[in-house]
Amino acid sequence: MSVNSADGPEQVDVVLVKAGRTKIRYTGELLADDGTRVAVRAPWAGSGVRDFGFVRFDPGDVFTEYYWRDRWYAVKEVRTATGTLKGWYCDITRPAVRSGQELVVEDLDLDLWRSADGADIRRLDEDEFADSGLAGTDPEAAAAALAALDELETLARGGDFAALLA
């Protein structure tokens, strides 16, 4: 379902929580919410440039973000200000929770990057995940997080990654 009103597109506050603390909060345009998946479009919310070595997020970049209430990940399509696709940054998270105008997502440290051409697919931050201690404090969540990372990597490497976002 598309979400627009006479006053323009509906806005939603995306709240990314990590280790019980708000890591970042930003406002985006709510594109759709079908009860299971929420889609949001927002400009790069970081301060300045973030260069990972394999991709750079710049002021003006636009993120179309997909969050699920029943999956342990979020997928963020990254484009330049002129619309050129850079790729997809995938966060492993607990399922998203939307309450009114707020969408809360808990980051579980693991990430996956898939370049626009699909040639560069990499798992990220596995050391941070191990250091988080989640496996000891919440083994079921840790297992779900690892399974989600495996699922995303399989889709990125040849599964139907595009269908995930259709």
N, C-alpha and C. Protein backbone atom coordinates (compact mmCIF):
# COMPACT_ATOMS: atom_id res chain seq x y z
N MET A 1 0.84 -1.16 0.00
CA MET A 1 0.00 0.00 0.00
C MET A 1 0.88 1.23 0.00
N SER A 2 0.65 2.12 -0.90
CA SER A 2 1.38 3.38 -0.95
C SER A 2 0.80 4.31 0.10
N VAL A 3 1.65 5.14 0.67
CA VAL A 3 1.21 5.99 1.76
C VAL A 3 1.42 7.45 1.39
N ASN A 4 0.37 8.12 0.98
CA ASN A 4 0.41 9.55 0.67
C ASN A 4 -0.88 10.17 1.14
N SER A 5 -0.82 11.43 1.49
CA SER A 5 -2.02 12.14 1.89
C SER A 5 -2.09 13.43 1.10
N ALA A 6 -3.15 14.17 1.32
CA ALA A 6 -3.31 15.46 0.64
C ALA A 6 -2.19 16.42 1.03
N ASP A 7 -1.60 16.21 2.19
CA ASP A 7 -0.52 17.07 2.68
C ASP A 7 0.86 16.62 2.18
N GLY A 8 0.91 15.59 1.37
CA GLY A 8 2.19 15.07 0.87
C GLY A 8 2.48 13.71 1.49
N PRO A 9 3.66 13.18 1.20
CA PRO A 9 4.01 11.85 1.69
C PRO A 9 4.06 11.81 3.21
N GLU A 10 3.63 10.68 3.75
CA GLU A 10 3.69 10.48 5.20
C GLU A 10 5.15 10.30 5.61
N GLN A 11 5.49 10.85 6.75
CA GLN A 11 6.86 10.76 7.27
C GLN A 11 6.89 9.72 8.41
N VAL A 12 8.04 9.12 8.58
CA VAL A 12 8.24 8.17 9.67
C VAL A 12 9.62 8.42 10.25
N ASP A 13 9.75 8.29 11.55
CA ASP A 13 11.04 8.41 12.22
C ASP A 13 11.64 7.02 12.35
N VAL A 14 12.79 6.80 11.74
CA VAL A 14 13.50 5.54 11.83
C VAL A 14 14.47 5.66 13.01
N VAL A 15 14.37 4.71 13.94
CA VAL A 15 15.22 4.72 15.13
C VAL A 15 16.03 3.43 15.12
N LEU A 16 17.34 3.57 14.96
CA LEU A 16 18.23 2.42 14.97
C LEU A 16 18.85 2.31 16.36
N VAL A 17 18.56 1.20 17.03
CA VAL A 17 19.03 0.96 18.39
C VAL A 17 20.14 -0.08 18.35
N LYS A 18 21.17 0.13 19.13
CA LYS A 18 22.27 -0.83 19.21
C LYS A 18 22.69 -0.93 20.67
N ALA A 19 22.72 -2.15 21.19
CA ALA A 19 23.10 -2.41 22.58
C ALA A 19 22.27 -1.56 23.55
N GLY A 20 20.97 -1.45 23.25
CA GLY A 20 20.07 -0.76 24.16
C GLY A 20 20.08 0.76 24.07
N ARG A 21 20.87 1.32 23.17
CA ARG A 21 20.96 2.78 23.03
C ARG A 21 20.64 3.20 21.61
N THR A 22 20.05 4.38 21.46
CA THR A 22 19.76 4.88 20.12
C THR A 22 21.07 5.25 19.43
N LYS A 23 21.33 4.58 18.32
CA LYS A 23 22.54 4.84 17.53
C LYS A 23 22.32 6.01 16.59
N ILE A 24 21.14 6.04 15.95
CA ILE A 24 20.80 7.13 15.04
C ILE A 24 19.29 7.19 14.91
N ARG A 25 18.80 8.39 14.70
CA ARG A 25 17.38 8.63 14.46
C ARG A 25 17.29 9.62 13.30
N TYR A 26 16.42 9.31 12.33
CA TYR A 26 16.24 10.21 11.20
C TYR A 26 14.82 10.06 10.66
N THR A 27 14.40 11.04 9.91
CA THR A 27 13.06 11.03 9.32
C THR A 27 13.16 10.66 7.85
N GLY A 28 12.25 9.80 7.44
CA GLY A 28 12.19 9.40 6.05
C GLY A 28 10.76 9.43 5.54
N GLU A 29 10.62 9.30 4.25
CA GLU A 29 9.31 9.25 3.61
C GLU A 29 8.81 7.81 3.63
N LEU A 30 7.65 7.60 4.21
CA LEU A 30 7.05 6.27 4.23
C LEU A 30 6.51 5.95 2.84
N LEU A 31 7.08 4.96 2.18
CA LEU A 31 6.67 4.58 0.84
C LEU A 31 5.54 3.56 0.87
N ALA A 32 5.63 2.61 1.79
CA ALA A 32 4.63 1.55 1.87
C ALA A 32 4.74 0.83 3.21
N ASP A 33 3.60 0.30 3.64
CA ASP A 33 3.55 -0.56 4.83
C ASP A 33 2.40 -1.52 4.60
N ASP A 34 2.75 -2.77 4.29
CA ASP A 34 1.72 -3.77 3.99
C ASP A 34 1.36 -4.63 5.20
N GLY A 35 1.86 -4.22 6.37
CA GLY A 35 1.61 -4.99 7.58
C GLY A 35 2.75 -5.93 7.93
N THR A 36 3.56 -6.29 6.93
CA THR A 36 4.73 -7.15 7.16
C THR A 36 6.01 -6.40 6.83
N ARG A 37 6.03 -5.73 5.67
CA ARG A 37 7.21 -5.01 5.23
C ARG A 37 6.92 -3.52 5.18
N VAL A 38 7.89 -2.74 5.67
CA VAL A 38 7.79 -1.29 5.66
C VAL A 38 8.91 -0.78 4.75
N ALA A 39 8.57 0.12 3.82
CA ALA A 39 9.56 0.72 2.93
C ALA A 39 9.62 2.22 3.21
N VAL A 40 10.85 2.72 3.33
CA VAL A 40 11.10 4.12 3.67
C VAL A 40 12.19 4.65 2.74
N ARG A 41 12.06 5.90 2.32
CA ARG A 41 13.12 6.55 1.55
C ARG A 41 13.64 7.73 2.35
N ALA A 42 14.97 7.81 2.46
CA ALA A 42 15.58 8.88 3.24
C ALA A 42 16.95 9.22 2.68
N PRO A 43 17.35 10.47 2.83
CA PRO A 43 18.72 10.83 2.44
C PRO A 43 19.70 10.23 3.44
N TRP A 44 20.96 10.08 3.02
CA TRP A 44 22.02 9.61 3.90
C TRP A 44 21.97 10.41 5.19
N ALA A 45 21.81 9.72 6.31
CA ALA A 45 21.60 10.38 7.60
C ALA A 45 22.89 10.55 8.39
N GLY A 46 23.99 10.05 7.88
CA GLY A 46 25.25 10.20 8.59
C GLY A 46 25.79 11.61 8.43
N SER A 47 26.76 11.91 9.25
CA SER A 47 27.39 13.23 9.14
C SER A 47 28.59 13.11 8.21
N GLY A 48 28.56 13.85 7.11
CA GLY A 48 29.67 13.83 6.17
C GLY A 48 29.75 12.55 5.37
N VAL A 49 30.97 12.22 4.97
CA VAL A 49 31.25 11.04 4.14
C VAL A 49 31.59 9.86 5.04
N ARG A 50 31.12 8.68 4.65
CA ARG A 50 31.50 7.44 5.34
C ARG A 50 32.09 6.52 4.29
N ASP A 51 33.41 6.35 4.35
CA ASP A 51 34.12 5.54 3.36
C ASP A 51 34.49 4.20 3.97
N PHE A 52 33.87 3.14 3.47
CA PHE A 52 34.13 1.78 3.97
C PHE A 52 35.28 1.12 3.22
N GLY A 53 35.77 1.76 2.17
CA GLY A 53 36.80 1.16 1.34
C GLY A 53 36.20 0.49 0.11
N PHE A 54 35.13 -0.23 0.29
CA PHE A 54 34.46 -0.90 -0.82
C PHE A 54 33.26 -0.10 -1.33
N VAL A 55 32.78 0.86 -0.53
CA VAL A 55 31.71 1.78 -0.93
C VAL A 55 31.83 3.02 -0.07
N ARG A 56 31.35 4.11 -0.63
CA ARG A 56 31.36 5.39 0.08
C ARG A 56 29.94 5.93 0.14
N PHE A 57 29.51 6.32 1.33
CA PHE A 57 28.23 6.99 1.49
C PHE A 57 28.52 8.47 1.59
N ASP A 58 27.85 9.25 0.73
CA ASP A 58 28.10 10.68 0.62
C ASP A 58 26.84 11.48 0.92
N PRO A 59 27.00 12.72 1.38
CA PRO A 59 25.84 13.59 1.49
C PRO A 59 25.13 13.64 0.13
N GLY A 60 23.82 13.54 0.16
CA GLY A 60 23.05 13.51 -1.09
C GLY A 60 22.66 12.11 -1.53
N ASP A 61 23.36 11.09 -1.04
CA ASP A 61 22.96 9.71 -1.35
C ASP A 61 21.55 9.48 -0.83
N VAL A 62 20.82 8.63 -1.54
CA VAL A 62 19.44 8.33 -1.16
C VAL A 62 19.33 6.84 -0.85
N PHE A 63 18.73 6.53 0.29
CA PHE A 63 18.54 5.16 0.74
C PHE A 63 17.06 4.81 0.64
N THR A 64 16.74 3.73 -0.06
CA THR A 64 15.40 3.16 0.00
C THR A 64 15.55 1.93 0.88
N GLU A 65 14.88 1.97 2.02
CA GLU A 65 15.11 0.98 3.08
C GLU A 65 13.89 0.09 3.25
N TYR A 66 14.14 -1.19 3.40
CA TYR A 66 13.09 -2.18 3.56
C TYR A 66 13.28 -2.87 4.90
N TYR A 67 12.22 -2.83 5.71
CA TYR A 67 12.23 -3.44 7.04
C TYR A 67 11.09 -4.44 7.12
N TRP A 68 11.32 -5.53 7.82
CA TRP A 68 10.30 -6.56 7.98
C TRP A 68 9.95 -6.75 9.45
N ARG A 69 8.69 -7.04 9.69
CA ARG A 69 8.23 -7.34 11.05
C ARG A 69 8.42 -8.82 11.37
N ASP A 70 8.74 -9.63 10.36
CA ASP A 70 8.86 -11.07 10.56
C ASP A 70 10.21 -11.63 10.10
N ARG A 71 11.17 -10.75 9.83
CA ARG A 71 12.50 -11.20 9.40
C ARG A 71 13.56 -10.47 10.22
N TRP A 72 14.72 -11.07 10.26
CA TRP A 72 15.80 -10.57 11.10
C TRP A 72 16.81 -9.76 10.29
N TYR A 73 16.32 -8.94 9.36
CA TYR A 73 17.22 -8.09 8.60
C TYR A 73 16.47 -6.90 8.01
N ALA A 74 17.25 -5.94 7.56
CA ALA A 74 16.77 -4.77 6.82
C ALA A 74 17.69 -4.62 5.62
N VAL A 75 17.12 -4.26 4.47
CA VAL A 75 17.90 -4.09 3.26
C VAL A 75 17.77 -2.64 2.81
N LYS A 76 18.91 -2.01 2.55
CA LYS A 76 18.94 -0.60 2.17
C LYS A 76 19.58 -0.45 0.80
N GLU A 77 18.76 -0.05 -0.16
CA GLU A 77 19.27 0.22 -1.51
C GLU A 77 19.89 1.61 -1.48
N VAL A 78 21.13 1.71 -1.96
CA VAL A 78 21.87 2.97 -1.89
C VAL A 78 22.10 3.51 -3.30
N ARG A 79 21.68 4.76 -3.51
CA ARG A 79 21.87 5.43 -4.80
C ARG A 79 22.51 6.79 -4.58
N THR A 80 23.23 7.24 -5.60
CA THR A 80 23.80 8.57 -5.56
C THR A 80 22.67 9.59 -5.69
N ALA A 81 22.98 10.85 -5.49
CA ALA A 81 21.98 11.91 -5.63
C ALA A 81 21.42 11.96 -7.05
N THR A 82 22.19 11.48 -8.03
CA THR A 82 21.73 11.49 -9.41
C THR A 82 21.03 10.18 -9.80
N GLY A 83 20.91 9.25 -8.87
CA GLY A 83 20.16 8.03 -9.11
C GLY A 83 20.96 6.81 -9.47
N THR A 84 22.29 6.91 -9.56
CA THR A 84 23.11 5.75 -9.88
C THR A 84 23.14 4.78 -8.70
N LEU A 85 22.84 3.53 -8.97
CA LEU A 85 22.82 2.50 -7.93
C LEU A 85 24.24 2.17 -7.49
N LYS A 86 24.49 2.27 -6.19
CA LYS A 86 25.78 1.86 -5.61
C LYS A 86 25.72 0.40 -5.17
N GLY A 87 24.59 0.01 -4.58
CA GLY A 87 24.43 -1.36 -4.11
C GLY A 87 23.45 -1.43 -2.96
N TRP A 88 23.55 -2.52 -2.19
CA TRP A 88 22.63 -2.75 -1.08
C TRP A 88 23.43 -3.03 0.19
N TYR A 89 23.10 -2.27 1.22
CA TYR A 89 23.69 -2.48 2.54
C TYR A 89 22.63 -3.15 3.38
N CYS A 90 22.93 -4.31 3.89
CA CYS A 90 21.96 -5.10 4.64
C CYS A 90 22.39 -5.18 6.10
N ASP A 91 21.48 -4.79 6.98
CA ASP A 91 21.71 -4.87 8.42
C ASP A 91 21.00 -6.10 8.97
N ILE A 92 21.68 -6.83 9.80
CA ILE A 92 21.02 -7.91 10.53
C ILE A 92 20.44 -7.27 11.79
N THR A 93 19.12 -7.43 11.96
CA THR A 93 18.40 -6.75 13.03
C THR A 93 17.34 -7.69 13.61
N ARG A 94 16.84 -7.31 14.74
CA ARG A 94 15.61 -7.96 15.21
C ARG A 94 14.49 -7.47 14.30
N PRO A 95 13.39 -8.21 14.23
CA PRO A 95 12.26 -7.72 13.42
C PRO A 95 11.86 -6.30 13.82
N ALA A 96 11.50 -5.50 12.82
CA ALA A 96 11.16 -4.09 13.03
C ALA A 96 9.83 -3.97 13.78
N VAL A 97 9.71 -2.88 14.53
CA VAL A 97 8.48 -2.56 15.25
C VAL A 97 8.07 -1.15 14.87
N ARG A 98 6.86 -1.03 14.34
CA ARG A 98 6.34 0.31 14.01
C ARG A 98 5.21 0.64 14.97
N SER A 99 5.34 1.81 15.57
CA SER A 99 4.31 2.32 16.47
C SER A 99 4.03 3.75 16.04
N GLY A 100 2.89 3.97 15.41
CA GLY A 100 2.57 5.30 14.91
C GLY A 100 3.59 5.75 13.88
N GLN A 101 4.21 6.88 14.14
CA GLN A 101 5.18 7.45 13.20
C GLN A 101 6.62 7.01 13.48
N GLU A 102 6.79 6.05 14.36
CA GLU A 102 8.14 5.61 14.74
C GLU A 102 8.37 4.16 14.33
N LEU A 103 9.49 3.93 13.67
CA LEU A 103 9.91 2.58 13.26
C LEU A 103 11.21 2.28 13.99
N VAL A 104 11.17 1.30 14.88
CA VAL A 104 12.33 0.97 15.71
C VAL A 104 12.93 -0.34 15.24
N VAL A 105 14.25 -0.31 15.06
CA VAL A 105 14.98 -1.48 14.60
C VAL A 105 16.21 -1.65 15.47
N GLU A 106 16.42 -2.86 15.97
CA GLU A 106 17.59 -3.14 16.81
C GLU A 106 18.68 -3.81 15.98
N ASP A 107 19.80 -3.11 15.83
CA ASP A 107 20.95 -3.58 15.06
C ASP A 107 21.69 -4.65 15.86
N LEU A 108 21.98 -5.77 15.21
CA LEU A 108 22.68 -6.88 15.87
C LEU A 108 24.12 -7.04 15.38
N ASP A 109 24.70 -5.99 14.85
CA ASP A 109 26.11 -5.89 14.48
C ASP A 109 26.49 -6.51 13.14
N LEU A 110 25.86 -7.59 12.74
CA LEU A 110 26.22 -8.23 11.47
C LEU A 110 25.65 -7.44 10.30
N ASP A 111 26.41 -7.41 9.20
CA ASP A 111 25.98 -6.70 8.00
C ASP A 111 26.43 -7.48 6.76
N LEU A 112 25.81 -7.13 5.64
CA LEU A 112 26.19 -7.70 4.35
C LEU A 112 26.14 -6.58 3.32
N TRP A 113 27.13 -6.55 2.44
CA TRP A 113 27.15 -5.59 1.34
C TRP A 113 27.07 -6.37 0.03
N ARG A 114 26.24 -5.85 -0.90
CA ARG A 114 26.19 -6.37 -2.27
C ARG A 114 26.29 -5.18 -3.21
N SER A 115 27.32 -5.17 -4.03
CA SER A 115 27.52 -4.07 -4.98
C SER A 115 26.44 -4.12 -6.06
N ALA A 116 26.29 -3.01 -6.76
CA ALA A 116 25.26 -2.90 -7.80
C ALA A 116 25.39 -3.98 -8.86
N ASP A 117 26.61 -4.34 -9.22
CA ASP A 117 26.81 -5.35 -10.26
C ASP A 117 26.85 -6.77 -9.70
N GLY A 118 26.75 -6.91 -8.38
CA GLY A 118 26.75 -8.23 -7.77
C GLY A 118 28.11 -8.89 -7.67
N ALA A 119 29.16 -8.20 -8.11
CA ALA A 119 30.51 -8.78 -8.09
C ALA A 119 31.14 -8.75 -6.70
N ASP A 120 30.72 -7.81 -5.87
CA ASP A 120 31.30 -7.67 -4.53
C ASP A 120 30.23 -7.95 -3.49
N ILE A 121 30.33 -9.10 -2.87
CA ILE A 121 29.40 -9.48 -1.80
C ILE A 121 30.26 -9.84 -0.60
N ARG A 122 30.01 -9.14 0.48
CA ARG A 122 30.86 -9.39 1.66
C ARG A 122 30.08 -9.32 2.95
N ARG A 123 30.44 -10.25 3.84
CA ARG A 123 29.91 -10.25 5.20
C ARG A 123 30.74 -9.27 6.01
N LEU A 124 30.08 -8.52 6.87
CA LEU A 124 30.76 -7.47 7.62
C LEU A 124 30.50 -7.60 9.12
N ASP A 125 31.47 -7.18 9.89
CA ASP A 125 31.34 -7.00 11.33
C ASP A 125 31.09 -8.28 12.12
N GLU A 126 31.55 -9.41 11.60
CA GLU A 126 31.39 -10.66 12.35
C GLU A 126 32.16 -10.63 13.65
N ASP A 127 33.27 -9.88 13.68
CA ASP A 127 34.04 -9.73 14.92
C ASP A 127 33.24 -8.94 15.96
N GLU A 128 32.56 -7.88 15.54
CA GLU A 128 31.72 -7.10 16.45
C GLU A 128 30.59 -7.95 17.00
N PHE A 129 30.01 -8.78 16.14
CA PHE A 129 28.93 -9.66 16.58
C PHE A 129 29.43 -10.63 17.65
N ALA A 130 30.59 -11.23 17.41
CA ALA A 130 31.16 -12.15 18.39
C ALA A 130 31.44 -11.43 19.71
N ASP A 131 31.98 -10.21 19.62
CA ASP A 131 32.30 -9.43 20.81
C ASP A 131 31.06 -8.94 21.56
N SER A 132 29.91 -8.89 20.89
CA SER A 132 28.69 -8.37 21.53
C SER A 132 28.20 -9.27 22.65
N GLY A 133 28.57 -10.56 22.60
CA GLY A 133 28.15 -11.49 23.64
C GLY A 133 26.73 -11.99 23.48
N LEU A 134 26.08 -11.67 22.35
CA LEU A 134 24.70 -12.08 22.14
C LEU A 134 24.53 -13.60 22.20
N ALA A 135 25.51 -14.33 21.71
CA ALA A 135 25.43 -15.79 21.72
C ALA A 135 25.27 -16.33 23.13
N GLY A 136 25.85 -15.64 24.10
CA GLY A 136 25.73 -16.08 25.49
C GLY A 136 24.49 -15.56 26.19
N THR A 137 24.11 -14.31 25.87
CA THR A 137 22.98 -13.69 26.56
C THR A 137 21.63 -14.02 25.92
N ASP A 138 21.61 -14.27 24.62
CA ASP A 138 20.37 -14.58 23.92
C ASP A 138 20.69 -15.50 22.74
N PRO A 139 20.97 -16.79 23.05
CA PRO A 139 21.39 -17.71 21.99
C PRO A 139 20.38 -17.87 20.84
N GLU A 140 19.09 -17.76 21.14
CA GLU A 140 18.09 -17.88 20.08
C GLU A 140 18.19 -16.70 19.11
N ALA A 141 18.39 -15.50 19.65
CA ALA A 141 18.54 -14.31 18.79
C ALA A 141 19.82 -14.41 17.98
N ALA A 142 20.89 -14.88 18.60
CA ALA A 142 22.16 -15.02 17.89
C ALA A 142 22.03 -16.01 16.74
N ALA A 143 21.34 -17.11 16.99
CA ALA A 143 21.14 -18.11 15.92
C ALA A 143 20.27 -17.52 14.80
N ALA A 144 19.24 -16.76 15.16
CA ALA A 144 18.38 -16.14 14.15
C ALA A 144 19.17 -15.12 13.33
N ALA A 145 20.06 -14.38 13.98
CA ALA A 145 20.88 -13.38 13.29
C ALA A 145 21.82 -14.05 12.28
N LEU A 146 22.47 -15.11 12.70
CA LEU A 146 23.39 -15.82 11.80
C LEU A 146 22.64 -16.46 10.64
N ALA A 147 21.47 -17.01 10.91
CA ALA A 147 20.65 -17.61 9.84
C ALA A 147 20.22 -16.52 8.85
N ALA A 148 19.88 -15.34 9.36
CA ALA A 148 19.48 -14.23 8.48
C ALA A 148 20.63 -13.80 7.59
N LEU A 149 21.84 -13.73 8.14
CA LEU A 149 23.01 -13.36 7.35
C LEU A 149 23.26 -14.40 6.26
N ASP A 150 23.15 -15.68 6.61
CA ASP A 150 23.32 -16.75 5.62
C ASP A 150 22.26 -16.64 4.51
N GLU A 151 21.01 -16.37 4.89
CA GLU A 151 19.92 -16.24 3.92
C GLU A 151 20.18 -15.09 2.95
N LEU A 152 20.57 -13.94 3.49
CA LEU A 152 20.85 -12.79 2.64
C LEU A 152 22.03 -13.05 1.70
N GLU A 153 23.06 -13.69 2.23
CA GLU A 153 24.22 -13.98 1.38
C GLU A 153 23.83 -14.93 0.24
N THR A 154 23.02 -15.93 0.54
CA THR A 154 22.56 -16.86 -0.51
C THR A 154 21.76 -16.12 -1.57
N LEU A 155 20.86 -15.25 -1.14
CA LEU A 155 20.08 -14.46 -2.10
C LEU A 155 20.98 -13.54 -2.92
N ALA A 156 21.96 -12.92 -2.27
CA ALA A 156 22.86 -11.99 -2.95
C ALA A 156 23.76 -12.69 -3.95
N ARG A 157 24.11 -13.93 -3.68
CA ARG A 157 25.04 -14.66 -4.55
C ARG A 157 24.36 -15.38 -5.71
N GLY A 158 23.07 -15.34 -5.78
CA GLY A 158 22.47 -16.04 -6.92
C GLY A 158 21.03 -16.41 -6.70
N GLY A 159 20.59 -16.20 -5.50
CA GLY A 159 19.17 -16.41 -5.25
C GLY A 159 18.41 -15.24 -5.85
N ASP A 160 17.19 -15.10 -5.49
CA ASP A 160 16.35 -14.08 -6.09
C ASP A 160 16.36 -12.81 -5.22
N PHE A 161 17.51 -12.14 -5.19
CA PHE A 161 17.68 -10.95 -4.36
C PHE A 161 16.71 -9.84 -4.77
N ALA A 162 16.53 -9.63 -6.06
CA ALA A 162 15.64 -8.58 -6.54
C ALA A 162 14.20 -8.81 -6.11
N ALA A 163 13.77 -10.07 -6.06
CA ALA A 163 12.40 -10.38 -5.67
C ALA A 163 12.14 -10.02 -4.21
N LEU A 164 13.17 -10.03 -3.41
CA LEU A 164 13.07 -9.66 -2.00
C LEU A 164 12.54 -8.24 -1.85
N LEU A 165 12.89 -7.37 -2.79
CA LEU A 165 12.54 -5.95 -2.70
C LEU A 165 11.39 -5.55 -3.61
N ALA A 166 10.90 -6.48 -4.41
CA ALA A 166 9.81 -6.15 -5.35
C ALA A 166 8.50 -5.89 -4.64
